[in-house]
């Protein structure tokens, strides 16, 4: 379930932030900020549903998922395909997130 919550959190965070981008950078209506703030609140709540002993560790592991989901958002919503370098960077971040996530679960089981 943890990866589900990470993915849900990323969607809420990116969507919420994107509404601010639309308002400020794309001259969309200020009313876009209303669903944006709601989405950001859902993001914060969703991250609390992740099983972790420490918030910082959950946020660190989430970072890798966020990066991959941001690149997917760019491709799907903004129609901007990531470069090979984007993909390589995302892969490195996912490896780091997996190390943090699985080492945390090992520490939790042995502690």
PDB file of N, CA and C in Angstrom:
ATOM      1  N   UNK A   1       0.812  -1.209   0.000  1.00  0.00           N
ATOM      2  CA  UNK A   1       0.000   0.000   0.000  1.00  0.00           C
ATOM      3  C   UNK A   1       0.850   1.266   0.000  1.00  0.00           C
ATOM      4  N   UNK A   2       2.073   1.172   0.501  1.00  0.00           N
ATOM      5  CA  UNK A   2       2.914   2.360   0.602  1.00  0.00           C
ATOM      6  C   UNK A   2       3.133   3.016  -0.747  1.00  0.00           C
ATOM      7  N   UNK A   3       3.441   2.200  -1.760  1.00  0.00           N
ATOM      8  CA  UNK A   3       3.680   2.798  -3.079  1.00  0.00           C
ATOM      9  C   UNK A   3       2.411   3.426  -3.641  1.00  0.00           C
ATOM     10  N   UNK A   4       1.259   2.845  -3.339  1.00  0.00           N
ATOM     11  CA  UNK A   4      -0.001   3.454  -3.754  1.00  0.00           C
ATOM     12  C   UNK A   4      -0.135   4.845  -3.146  1.00  0.00           C
ATOM     13  N   UNK A   5       0.144   4.966  -1.830  1.00  0.00           N
ATOM     14  CA  UNK A   5       0.025   6.267  -1.165  1.00  0.00           C
ATOM     15  C   UNK A   5       1.054   7.252  -1.694  1.00  0.00           C
ATOM     16  N   UNK A   6       2.264   6.771  -1.995  1.00  0.00           N
ATOM     17  CA  UNK A   6       3.280   7.645  -2.583  1.00  0.00           C
ATOM     18  C   UNK A   6       2.808   8.182  -3.935  1.00  0.00           C
ATOM     19  N   UNK A   7       2.255   7.318  -4.757  1.00  0.00           N
ATOM     20  CA  UNK A   7       1.791   7.742  -6.087  1.00  0.00           C
ATOM     21  C   UNK A   7       0.611   8.710  -5.953  1.00  0.00           C
ATOM     22  N   UNK A   8      -0.331   8.388  -5.069  1.00  0.00           N
ATOM     23  CA  UNK A   8      -1.472   9.288  -4.844  1.00  0.00           C
ATOM     24  C   UNK A   8      -0.984  10.645  -4.347  1.00  0.00           C
ATOM     25  N   UNK A   9      -0.041  10.633  -3.404  1.00  0.00           N
ATOM     26  CA  UNK A   9       0.500  11.894  -2.875  1.00  0.00           C
ATOM     27  C   UNK A   9       1.151  12.705  -3.988  1.00  0.00           C
ATOM     28  N   UNK A  10       1.904  12.032  -4.848  1.00  0.00           N
ATOM     29  CA  UNK A  10       2.572  12.743  -5.949  1.00  0.00           C
ATOM     30  C   UNK A  10       1.559  13.382  -6.889  1.00  0.00           C
ATOM     31  N   UNK A  11       0.508  12.659  -7.217  1.00  0.00           N
ATOM     32  CA  UNK A  11      -0.519  13.217  -8.108  1.00  0.00           C
ATOM     33  C   UNK A  11      -1.160  14.448  -7.467  1.00  0.00           C
ATOM     34  N   UNK A  12      -1.514  14.342  -6.176  1.00  0.00           N
ATOM     35  CA  UNK A  12      -2.117  15.495  -5.495  1.00  0.00           C
ATOM     36  C   UNK A  12      -1.151  16.676  -5.426  1.00  0.00           C
ATOM     37  N   UNK A  13       0.122  16.397  -5.115  1.00  0.00           N
ATOM     38  CA  UNK A  13       1.091  17.489  -4.997  1.00  0.00           C
ATOM     39  C   UNK A  13       1.337  18.161  -6.344  1.00  0.00           C
ATOM     40  N   UNK A  14       1.571  17.364  -7.354  1.00  0.00           N
ATOM     41  CA  UNK A  14       1.869  17.925  -8.673  1.00  0.00           C
ATOM     42  C   UNK A  14       0.659  18.679  -9.218  1.00  0.00           C
ATOM     43  N   UNK A  15      -0.530  18.095  -9.082  1.00  0.00           N
ATOM     44  CA  UNK A  15      -1.749  18.773  -9.561  1.00  0.00           C
ATOM     45  C   UNK A  15      -1.962  20.081  -8.815  1.00  0.00           C
ATOM     46  N   UNK A  16      -1.768  20.058  -7.500  1.00  0.00           N
ATOM     47  CA  UNK A  16      -1.944  21.283  -6.714  1.00  0.00           C
ATOM     48  C   UNK A  16      -0.962  22.362  -7.104  1.00  0.00           C
ATOM     49  N   UNK A  17       0.279  21.988  -7.246  1.00  0.00           N
ATOM     50  CA  UNK A  17       1.306  22.961  -7.651  1.00  0.00           C
ATOM     51  C   UNK A  17       1.068  23.453  -9.078  1.00  0.00           C
ATOM     52  N   UNK A  18       0.580  22.554  -9.932  1.00  0.00           N
ATOM     53  CA  UNK A  18       0.348  22.940 -11.325  1.00  0.00           C
ATOM     54  C   UNK A  18      -0.738  24.007 -11.438  1.00  0.00           C
ATOM     55  N   UNK A  19      -1.709  23.988 -10.528  1.00  0.00           N
ATOM     56  CA  UNK A  19      -2.745  25.035 -10.588  1.00  0.00           C
ATOM     57  C   UNK A  19      -2.133  26.408 -10.328  1.00  0.00           C
ATOM     58  N   UNK A  20      -1.155  26.448  -9.426  1.00  0.00           N
ATOM     59  CA  UNK A  20      -0.449  27.718  -9.187  1.00  0.00           C
ATOM     60  C   UNK A  20       0.348  28.108 -10.426  1.00  0.00           C
ATOM     61  N   UNK A  21       0.989  27.149 -11.073  1.00  0.00           N
ATOM     62  CA  UNK A  21       1.738  27.382 -12.316  1.00  0.00           C
ATOM     63  C   UNK A  21       0.792  27.951 -13.380  1.00  0.00           C
ATOM     64  N   UNK A  22      -0.385  27.335 -13.497  1.00  0.00           N
ATOM     65  CA  UNK A  22      -1.346  27.793 -14.503  1.00  0.00           C
ATOM     66  C   UNK A  22      -1.760  29.237 -14.234  1.00  0.00           C
ATOM     67  N   UNK A  23      -2.045  29.531 -12.974  1.00  0.00           N
ATOM     68  CA  UNK A  23      -2.476  30.882 -12.627  1.00  0.00           C
ATOM     69  C   UNK A  23      -1.365  31.895 -12.869  1.00  0.00           C
ATOM     70  N   UNK A  24      -0.184  31.604 -12.381  1.00  0.00           N
ATOM     71  CA  UNK A  24       0.899  32.580 -12.416  1.00  0.00           C
ATOM     72  C   UNK A  24       1.621  32.643 -13.763  1.00  0.00           C
ATOM     73  N   UNK A  25       1.885  31.508 -14.361  1.00  0.00           N
ATOM     74  CA  UNK A  25       2.690  31.465 -15.591  1.00  0.00           C
ATOM     75  C   UNK A  25       1.857  31.417 -16.868  1.00  0.00           C
ATOM     76  N   UNK A  26       0.648  30.857 -16.775  1.00  0.00           N
ATOM     77  CA  UNK A  26      -0.174  30.693 -17.972  1.00  0.00           C
ATOM     78  C   UNK A  26      -1.381  31.620 -17.995  1.00  0.00           C
ATOM     79  N   UNK A  27      -1.419  32.578 -17.050  1.00  0.00           N
ATOM     80  CA  UNK A  27      -2.487  33.580 -16.978  1.00  0.00           C
ATOM     81  C   UNK A  27      -3.891  32.990 -16.909  1.00  0.00           C
ATOM     82  N   UNK A  28      -4.035  31.881 -16.165  1.00  0.00           N
ATOM     83  CA  UNK A  28      -5.360  31.303 -15.946  1.00  0.00           C
ATOM     84  C   UNK A  28      -6.017  32.005 -14.763  1.00  0.00           C
ATOM     85  N   UNK A  29      -7.281  31.746 -14.580  1.00  0.00           N
ATOM     86  CA  UNK A  29      -8.065  32.381 -13.522  1.00  0.00           C
ATOM     87  C   UNK A  29      -7.506  32.067 -12.136  1.00  0.00           C
ATOM     88  N   UNK A  30      -7.593  33.049 -11.255  1.00  0.00           N
ATOM     89  CA  UNK A  30      -7.163  32.848  -9.872  1.00  0.00           C
ATOM     90  C   UNK A  30      -7.999  31.773  -9.187  1.00  0.00           C
ATOM     91  N   UNK A  31      -9.174  31.495  -9.703  1.00  0.00           N
ATOM     92  CA  UNK A  31     -10.037  30.469  -9.123  1.00  0.00           C
ATOM     93  C   UNK A  31      -9.451  29.059  -9.257  1.00  0.00           C
ATOM     94  N   UNK A  32      -8.454  28.893 -10.114  1.00  0.00           N
ATOM     95  CA  UNK A  32      -7.745  27.608 -10.196  1.00  0.00           C
ATOM     96  C   UNK A  32      -7.016  27.296  -8.890  1.00  0.00           C
ATOM     97  N   UNK A  33      -6.754  28.328  -8.083  1.00  0.00           N
ATOM     98  CA  UNK A  33      -6.049  28.101  -6.821  1.00  0.00           C
ATOM     99  C   UNK A  33      -6.910  27.364  -5.792  1.00  0.00           C
ATOM    100  N   UNK A  34      -8.212  27.439  -5.931  1.00  0.00           N
ATOM    101  CA  UNK A  34      -9.093  26.752  -4.976  1.00  0.00           C
ATOM    102  C   UNK A  34      -8.892  25.231  -5.045  1.00  0.00           C
ATOM    103  N   UNK A  35      -9.045  24.609  -6.233  1.00  0.00           N
ATOM    104  CA  UNK A  35      -8.771  23.166  -6.263  1.00  0.00           C
ATOM    105  C   UNK A  35      -7.297  22.863  -5.997  1.00  0.00           C
ATOM    106  N   UNK A  36      -6.425  23.818  -6.292  1.00  0.00           N
ATOM    107  CA  UNK A  36      -5.004  23.623  -6.020  1.00  0.00           C
ATOM    108  C   UNK A  36      -4.710  23.496  -4.543  1.00  0.00           C
ATOM    109  N   UNK A  37      -5.297  24.357  -3.738  1.00  0.00           N
ATOM    110  CA  UNK A  37      -5.095  24.304  -2.287  1.00  0.00           C
ATOM    111  C   UNK A  37      -5.702  23.018  -1.716  1.00  0.00           C
ATOM    112  N   UNK A  38      -6.854  22.637  -2.220  1.00  0.00           N
ATOM    113  CA  UNK A  38      -7.482  21.384  -1.769  1.00  0.00           C
ATOM    114  C   UNK A  38      -6.581  20.197  -2.129  1.00  0.00           C
ATOM    115  N   UNK A  39      -6.054  20.210  -3.327  1.00  0.00           N
ATOM    116  CA  UNK A  39      -5.169  19.137  -3.765  1.00  0.00           C
ATOM    117  C   UNK A  39      -3.906  19.069  -2.912  1.00  0.00           C
ATOM    118  N   UNK A  40      -3.345  20.211  -2.566  1.00  0.00           N
ATOM    119  CA  UNK A  40      -2.147  20.222  -1.722  1.00  0.00           C
ATOM    120  C   UNK A  40      -2.453  19.738  -0.302  1.00  0.00           C
ATOM    121  N   UNK A  41      -3.637  20.044   0.196  1.00  0.00           N
ATOM    122  CA  UNK A  41      -4.032  19.517   1.510  1.00  0.00           C
ATOM    123  C   UNK A  41      -4.193  17.995   1.443  1.00  0.00           C
ATOM    124  N   UNK A  42      -4.772  17.500   0.368  1.00  0.00           N
ATOM    125  CA  UNK A  42      -4.895  16.046   0.189  1.00  0.00           C
ATOM    126  C   UNK A  42      -3.525  15.388   0.070  1.00  0.00           C
ATOM    127  N   UNK A  43      -2.593  16.065  -0.582  1.00  0.00           N
ATOM    128  CA  UNK A  43      -1.217  15.570  -0.671  1.00  0.00           C
ATOM    129  C   UNK A  43      -0.628  15.385   0.726  1.00  0.00           C
ATOM    130  N   UNK A  44      -0.734  16.410   1.565  1.00  0.00           N
ATOM    131  CA  UNK A  44      -0.158  16.344   2.910  1.00  0.00           C
ATOM    132  C   UNK A  44      -0.810  15.232   3.726  1.00  0.00           C
ATOM    133  N   UNK A  45      -2.115  15.117   3.638  1.00  0.00           N
ATOM    134  CA  UNK A  45      -2.829  14.072   4.367  1.00  0.00           C
ATOM    135  C   UNK A  45      -2.428  12.689   3.859  1.00  0.00           C
ATOM    136  N   UNK A  46      -2.343  12.528   2.552  1.00  0.00           N
ATOM    137  CA  UNK A  46      -2.007  11.231   1.965  1.00  0.00           C
ATOM    138  C   UNK A  46      -0.637  10.745   2.418  1.00  0.00           C
ATOM    139  N   UNK A  47       0.323  11.643   2.521  1.00  0.00           N
ATOM    140  CA  UNK A  47       1.653  11.218   2.968  1.00  0.00           C
ATOM    141  C   UNK A  47       1.638  10.704   4.408  1.00  0.00           C
ATOM    142  N   UNK A  48       0.688  11.155   5.201  1.00  0.00           N
ATOM    143  CA  UNK A  48       0.616  10.641   6.574  1.00  0.00           C
ATOM    144  C   UNK A  48       0.133   9.198   6.614  1.00  0.00           C
ATOM    145  N   UNK A  49      -0.435   8.695   5.533  1.00  0.00           N
ATOM    146  CA  UNK A  49      -0.934   7.320   5.478  1.00  0.00           C
ATOM    147  C   UNK A  49       0.164   6.304   5.173  1.00  0.00           C
ATOM    148  N   UNK A  50       1.354   6.791   4.851  1.00  0.00           N
ATOM    149  CA  UNK A  50       2.486   5.913   4.557  1.00  0.00           C
ATOM    150  C   UNK A  50       2.996   5.298   5.861  1.00  0.00           C
ATOM    151  N   UNK A  51       3.228   3.992   5.827  1.00  0.00           N
ATOM    152  CA  UNK A  51       3.776   3.305   6.994  1.00  0.00           C
ATOM    153  C   UNK A  51       5.248   3.656   7.136  1.00  0.00           C
ATOM    154  N   UNK A  52       5.577   4.395   8.174  1.00  0.00           N
ATOM    155  CA  UNK A  52       6.960   4.759   8.445  1.00  0.00           C
ATOM    156  C   UNK A  52       7.061   5.216   9.892  1.00  0.00           C
ATOM    157  N   UNK A  53       8.193   4.908  10.503  1.00  0.00           N
ATOM    158  CA  UNK A  53       8.416   5.325  11.886  1.00  0.00           C
ATOM    159  C   UNK A  53       8.762   6.803  11.990  1.00  0.00           C
ATOM    160  N   UNK A  54       9.312   7.361  10.901  1.00  0.00           N
ATOM    161  CA  UNK A  54       9.767   8.743  10.909  1.00  0.00           C
ATOM    162  C   UNK A  54       9.270   9.462   9.662  1.00  0.00           C
ATOM    163  N   UNK A  55       8.740  10.646   9.844  1.00  0.00           N
ATOM    164  CA  UNK A  55       8.240  11.428   8.715  1.00  0.00           C
ATOM    165  C   UNK A  55       9.350  11.715   7.706  1.00  0.00           C
ATOM    166  N   UNK A  56      10.519  12.095   8.194  1.00  0.00           N
ATOM    167  CA  UNK A  56      11.620  12.436   7.290  1.00  0.00           C
ATOM    168  C   UNK A  56      12.009  11.291   6.375  1.00  0.00           C
ATOM    169  N   UNK A  57      12.005  10.091   6.911  1.00  0.00           N
ATOM    170  CA  UNK A  57      12.348   8.922   6.083  1.00  0.00           C
ATOM    171  C   UNK A  57      11.265   8.688   5.026  1.00  0.00           C
ATOM    172  N   UNK A  58      10.004   8.829   5.414  1.00  0.00           N
ATOM    173  CA  UNK A  58       8.910   8.665   4.448  1.00  0.00           C
ATOM    174  C   UNK A  58       9.031   9.709   3.344  1.00  0.00           C
ATOM    175  N   UNK A  59       9.339  10.956   3.724  1.00  0.00           N
ATOM    176  CA  UNK A  59       9.455  12.017   2.720  1.00  0.00           C
ATOM    177  C   UNK A  59      10.645  11.784   1.801  1.00  0.00           C
ATOM    178  N   UNK A  60      11.734  11.274   2.351  1.00  0.00           N
ATOM    179  CA  UNK A  60      12.927  11.006   1.535  1.00  0.00           C
ATOM    180  C   UNK A  60      12.635   9.909   0.512  1.00  0.00           C
ATOM    181  N   UNK A  61      11.988   8.829   0.951  1.00  0.00           N
ATOM    182  CA  UNK A  61      11.643   7.761   0.018  1.00  0.00           C
ATOM    183  C   UNK A  61      10.630   8.254  -1.019  1.00  0.00           C
ATOM    184  N   UNK A  62       9.704   9.102  -0.586  1.00  0.00           N
ATOM    185  CA  UNK A  62       8.702   9.673  -1.492  1.00  0.00           C
ATOM    186  C   UNK A  62       9.350  10.507  -2.604  1.00  0.00           C
ATOM    187  N   UNK A  63      10.479  11.130  -2.295  1.00  0.00           N
ATOM    188  CA  UNK A  63      11.135  12.006  -3.264  1.00  0.00           C
ATOM    189  C   UNK A  63      11.400  11.340  -4.604  1.00  0.00           C
ATOM    190  N   UNK A  64      11.836  10.100  -4.586  1.00  0.00           N
ATOM    191  CA  UNK A  64      12.098   9.382  -5.838  1.00  0.00           C
ATOM    192  C   UNK A  64      10.839   9.178  -6.655  1.00  0.00           C
ATOM    193  N   UNK A  65       9.757   8.827  -5.959  1.00  0.00           N
ATOM    194  CA  UNK A  65       8.470   8.636  -6.638  1.00  0.00           C
ATOM    195  C   UNK A  65       7.995   9.963  -7.219  1.00  0.00           C
ATOM    196  N   UNK A  66       8.155  11.036  -6.452  1.00  0.00           N
ATOM    197  CA  UNK A  66       7.745  12.366  -6.913  1.00  0.00           C
ATOM    198  C   UNK A  66       8.454  12.745  -8.213  1.00  0.00           C
ATOM    199  N   UNK A  67       9.738  12.473  -8.287  1.00  0.00           N
ATOM    200  CA  UNK A  67      10.509  12.833  -9.483  1.00  0.00           C
ATOM    201  C   UNK A  67       9.994  12.077 -10.703  1.00  0.00           C
ATOM    202  N   UNK A  68       9.783  10.785 -10.565  1.00  0.00           N
ATOM    203  CA  UNK A  68       9.270   9.984 -11.687  1.00  0.00           C
ATOM    204  C   UNK A  68       7.877  10.464 -12.087  1.00  0.00           C
ATOM    205  N   UNK A  69       7.029  10.713 -11.106  1.00  0.00           N
ATOM    206  CA  UNK A  69       5.673  11.169 -11.410  1.00  0.00           C
ATOM    207  C   UNK A  69       5.676  12.567 -12.043  1.00  0.00           C
ATOM    208  N   UNK A  70       6.612  13.409 -11.668  1.00  0.00           N
ATOM    209  CA  UNK A  70       6.719  14.736 -12.282  1.00  0.00           C
ATOM    210  C   UNK A  70       7.063  14.629 -13.756  1.00  0.00           C
ATOM    211  N   UNK A  71       7.959  13.718 -14.079  1.00  0.00           N
ATOM    212  CA  UNK A  71       8.313  13.513 -15.490  1.00  0.00           C
ATOM    213  C   UNK A  71       7.139  12.908 -16.256  1.00  0.00           C
ATOM    214  N   UNK A  72       6.387  12.018 -15.611  1.00  0.00           N
ATOM    215  CA  UNK A  72       5.189  11.461 -16.253  1.00  0.00           C
ATOM    216  C   UNK A  72       4.157  12.557 -16.474  1.00  0.00           C
ATOM    217  N   UNK A  73       4.007  13.459 -15.503  1.00  0.00           N
ATOM    218  CA  UNK A  73       3.081  14.599 -15.643  1.00  0.00           C
ATOM    219  C   UNK A  73       3.494  15.460 -16.845  1.00  0.00           C
ATOM    220  N   UNK A  74       4.776  15.736 -16.942  1.00  0.00           N
ATOM    221  CA  UNK A  74       5.271  16.544 -18.066  1.00  0.00           C
ATOM    222  C   UNK A  74       4.910  15.883 -19.395  1.00  0.00           C
ATOM    223  N   UNK A  75       5.052  14.570 -19.458  1.00  0.00           N
ATOM    224  CA  UNK A  75       4.759  13.857 -20.702  1.00  0.00           C
ATOM    225  C   UNK A  75       3.257  13.799 -20.981  1.00  0.00           C
ATOM    226  N   UNK A  76       2.462  13.472 -19.971  1.00  0.00           N
ATOM    227  CA  UNK A  76       1.032  13.250 -20.187  1.00  0.00           C
ATOM    228  C   UNK A  76       0.210  14.534 -20.237  1.00  0.00           C
ATOM    229  N   UNK A  77       0.511  15.474 -19.363  1.00  0.00           N
ATOM    230  CA  UNK A  77      -0.301  16.694 -19.272  1.00  0.00           C
ATOM    231  C   UNK A  77       0.270  17.812 -20.133  1.00  0.00           C
ATOM    232  N   UNK A  78       1.591  17.992 -20.049  1.00  0.00           N
ATOM    233  CA  UNK A  78       2.209  19.109 -20.760  1.00  0.00           C
ATOM    234  C   UNK A  78       2.746  18.720 -22.133  1.00  0.00           C
ATOM    235  N   UNK A  79       2.642  17.445 -22.461  1.00  0.00           N
ATOM    236  CA  UNK A  79       3.071  16.930 -23.774  1.00  0.00           C
ATOM    237  C   UNK A  79       4.549  17.223 -24.044  1.00  0.00           C
ATOM    238  N   UNK A  80       5.364  17.100 -23.002  1.00  0.00           N
ATOM    239  CA  UNK A  80       6.810  17.309 -23.120  1.00  0.00           C
ATOM    240  C   UNK A  80       7.510  16.016 -22.688  1.00  0.00           C
ATOM    241  N   UNK A  81       8.047  15.299 -23.667  1.00  0.00           N
ATOM    242  CA  UNK A  81       8.684  14.023 -23.352  1.00  0.00           C
ATOM    243  C   UNK A  81      10.016  14.237 -22.633  1.00  0.00           C
ATOM    244  N   UNK A  82      10.257  13.451 -21.590  1.00  0.00           N
ATOM    245  CA  UNK A  82      11.531  13.551 -20.867  1.00  0.00           C
ATOM    246  C   UNK A  82      12.692  13.118 -21.757  1.00  0.00           C
ATOM    247  N   UNK A  83      13.851  13.681 -21.487  1.00  0.00           N
ATOM    248  CA  UNK A  83      15.057  13.301 -22.240  1.00  0.00           C
ATOM    249  C   UNK A  83      15.646  12.031 -21.645  1.00  0.00           C
ATOM    250  N   UNK A  84      16.633  11.489 -22.314  1.00  0.00           N
ATOM    251  CA  UNK A  84      17.365  10.338 -21.790  1.00  0.00           C
ATOM    252  C   UNK A  84      17.980  10.697 -20.444  1.00  0.00           C
ATOM    253  N   UNK A  85      18.489  11.920 -20.318  1.00  0.00           N
ATOM    254  CA  UNK A  85      19.097  12.365 -19.071  1.00  0.00           C
ATOM    255  C   UNK A  85      18.071  12.467 -17.952  1.00  0.00           C
ATOM    256  N   UNK A  86      16.865  12.910 -18.298  1.00  0.00           N
ATOM    257  CA  UNK A  86      15.777  12.931 -17.312  1.00  0.00           C
ATOM    258  C   UNK A  86      15.506  11.515 -16.808  1.00  0.00           C
ATOM    259  N   UNK A  87      15.443  10.582 -17.747  1.00  0.00           N
ATOM    260  CA  UNK A  87      15.192   9.188 -17.395  1.00  0.00           C
ATOM    261  C   UNK A  87      16.293   8.606 -16.529  1.00  0.00           C
ATOM    262  N   UNK A  88      17.535   8.902 -16.861  1.00  0.00           N
ATOM    263  CA  UNK A  88      18.657   8.407 -16.070  1.00  0.00           C
ATOM    264  C   UNK A  88      18.619   8.993 -14.662  1.00  0.00           C
ATOM    265  N   UNK A  89      18.371  10.272 -14.562  1.00  0.00           N
ATOM    266  CA  UNK A  89      18.272  10.918 -13.253  1.00  0.00           C
ATOM    267  C   UNK A  89      17.139  10.338 -12.432  1.00  0.00           C
ATOM    268  N   UNK A  90      15.996  10.096 -13.070  1.00  0.00           N
ATOM    269  CA  UNK A  90      14.858   9.509 -12.365  1.00  0.00           C
ATOM    270  C   UNK A  90      15.180   8.097 -11.889  1.00  0.00           C
ATOM    271  N   UNK A  91      15.867   7.335 -12.716  1.00  0.00           N
ATOM    272  CA  UNK A  91      16.259   5.982 -12.328  1.00  0.00           C
ATOM    273  C   UNK A  91      17.158   6.002 -11.099  1.00  0.00           C
ATOM    274  N   UNK A  92      18.112   6.904 -11.080  1.00  0.00           N
ATOM    275  CA  UNK A  92      18.996   7.028  -9.920  1.00  0.00           C
ATOM    276  C   UNK A  92      18.204   7.398  -8.663  1.00  0.00           C
ATOM    277  N   UNK A  93      17.240   8.275  -8.822  1.00  0.00           N
ATOM    278  CA  UNK A  93      16.420   8.687  -7.681  1.00  0.00           C
ATOM    279  C   UNK A  93      15.552   7.540  -7.173  1.00  0.00           C
ATOM    280  N   UNK A  94      15.001   6.745  -8.085  1.00  0.00           N
ATOM    281  CA  UNK A  94      14.186   5.600  -7.682  1.00  0.00           C
ATOM    282  C   UNK A  94      15.038   4.581  -6.930  1.00  0.00           C
ATOM    283  N   UNK A  95      16.251   4.345  -7.416  1.00  0.00           N
ATOM    284  CA  UNK A  95      17.151   3.423  -6.712  1.00  0.00           C
ATOM    285  C   UNK A  95      17.399   3.948  -5.294  1.00  0.00           C
ATOM    286  N   UNK A  96      17.671   5.223  -5.167  1.00  0.00           N
ATOM    287  CA  UNK A  96      17.880   5.808  -3.844  1.00  0.00           C
ATOM    288  C   UNK A  96      16.649   5.684  -2.963  1.00  0.00           C
ATOM    289  N   UNK A  97      15.478   5.946  -3.532  1.00  0.00           N
ATOM    290  CA  UNK A  97      14.235   5.836  -2.765  1.00  0.00           C
ATOM    291  C   UNK A  97      14.003   4.397  -2.307  1.00  0.00           C
ATOM    292  N   UNK A  98      14.287   3.438  -3.171  1.00  0.00           N
ATOM    293  CA  UNK A  98      14.117   2.031  -2.801  1.00  0.00           C
ATOM    294  C   UNK A  98      15.077   1.630  -1.683  1.00  0.00           C
ATOM    295  N   UNK A  99      16.299   2.133  -1.751  1.00  0.00           N
ATOM    296  CA  UNK A  99      17.267   1.844  -0.682  1.00  0.00           C
ATOM    297  C   UNK A  99      16.753   2.390   0.645  1.00  0.00           C
ATOM    298  N   UNK A 100      16.285   3.615   0.631  1.00  0.00           N
ATOM    299  CA  UNK A 100      15.756   4.227   1.862  1.00  0.00           C
ATOM    300  C   UNK A 100      14.547   3.445   2.362  1.00  0.00           C
ATOM    301  N   UNK A 101      13.631   3.150   1.458  1.00  0.00           N
ATOM    302  CA  UNK A 101      12.392   2.473   1.828  1.00  0.00           C
ATOM    303  C   UNK A 101      12.658   1.088   2.396  1.00  0.00           C
ATOM    304  N   UNK A 102      13.438   0.288   1.684  1.00  0.00           N
ATOM    305  CA  UNK A 102      13.655  -1.087   2.137  1.00  0.00           C
ATOM    306  C   UNK A 102      14.599  -1.179   3.326  1.00  0.00           C
ATOM    307  N   UNK A 103      15.547  -0.272   3.428  1.00  0.00           N
ATOM    308  CA  UNK A 103      16.401  -0.287   4.619  1.00  0.00           C
ATOM    309  C   UNK A 103      15.581   0.114   5.844  1.00  0.00           C
ATOM    310  N   UNK A 104      14.644   1.022   5.663  1.00  0.00           N
ATOM    311  CA  UNK A 104      13.781   1.436   6.773  1.00  0.00           C
ATOM    312  C   UNK A 104      12.911   0.276   7.232  1.00  0.00           C
ATOM    313  N   UNK A 105      12.385  -0.505   6.276  1.00  0.00           N
ATOM    314  CA  UNK A 105      11.541  -1.630   6.676  1.00  0.00           C
ATOM    315  C   UNK A 105      12.390  -2.709   7.359  1.00  0.00           C
ATOM    316  N   UNK A 106      13.633  -2.874   6.957  1.00  0.00           N
ATOM    317  CA  UNK A 106      14.531  -3.833   7.620  1.00  0.00           C
ATOM    318  C   UNK A 106      14.862  -3.358   9.041  1.00  0.00           C
ATOM    319  N   UNK A 107      15.131  -2.085   9.189  1.00  0.00           N
ATOM    320  CA  UNK A 107      15.424  -1.535  10.510  1.00  0.00           C
ATOM    321  C   UNK A 107      14.220  -1.679  11.434  1.00  0.00           C
ATOM    322  N   UNK A 108      13.037  -1.452  10.877  1.00  0.00           N
ATOM    323  CA  UNK A 108      11.805  -1.540  11.664  1.00  0.00           C
ATOM    324  C   UNK A 108      11.565  -2.982  12.150  1.00  0.00           C
ATOM    325  N   UNK A 109      11.864  -3.963  11.282  1.00  0.00           N
ATOM    326  CA  UNK A 109      11.661  -5.364  11.641  1.00  0.00           C
ATOM    327  C   UNK A 109      12.678  -5.839  12.666  1.00  0.00           C
ATOM    328  N   UNK A 110      13.927  -5.360  12.552  1.00  0.00           N
ATOM    329  CA  UNK A 110      14.974  -5.842  13.462  1.00  0.00           C
ATOM    330  C   UNK A 110      15.006  -5.060  14.768  1.00  0.00           C
ATOM    331  N   UNK A 111      14.392  -3.871  14.774  1.00  0.00           N
ATOM    332  CA  UNK A 111      14.440  -3.019  15.963  1.00  0.00           C
ATOM    333  C   UNK A 111      13.321  -3.285  16.854  1.00  0.00           C
TER     334      UNK A 111
END
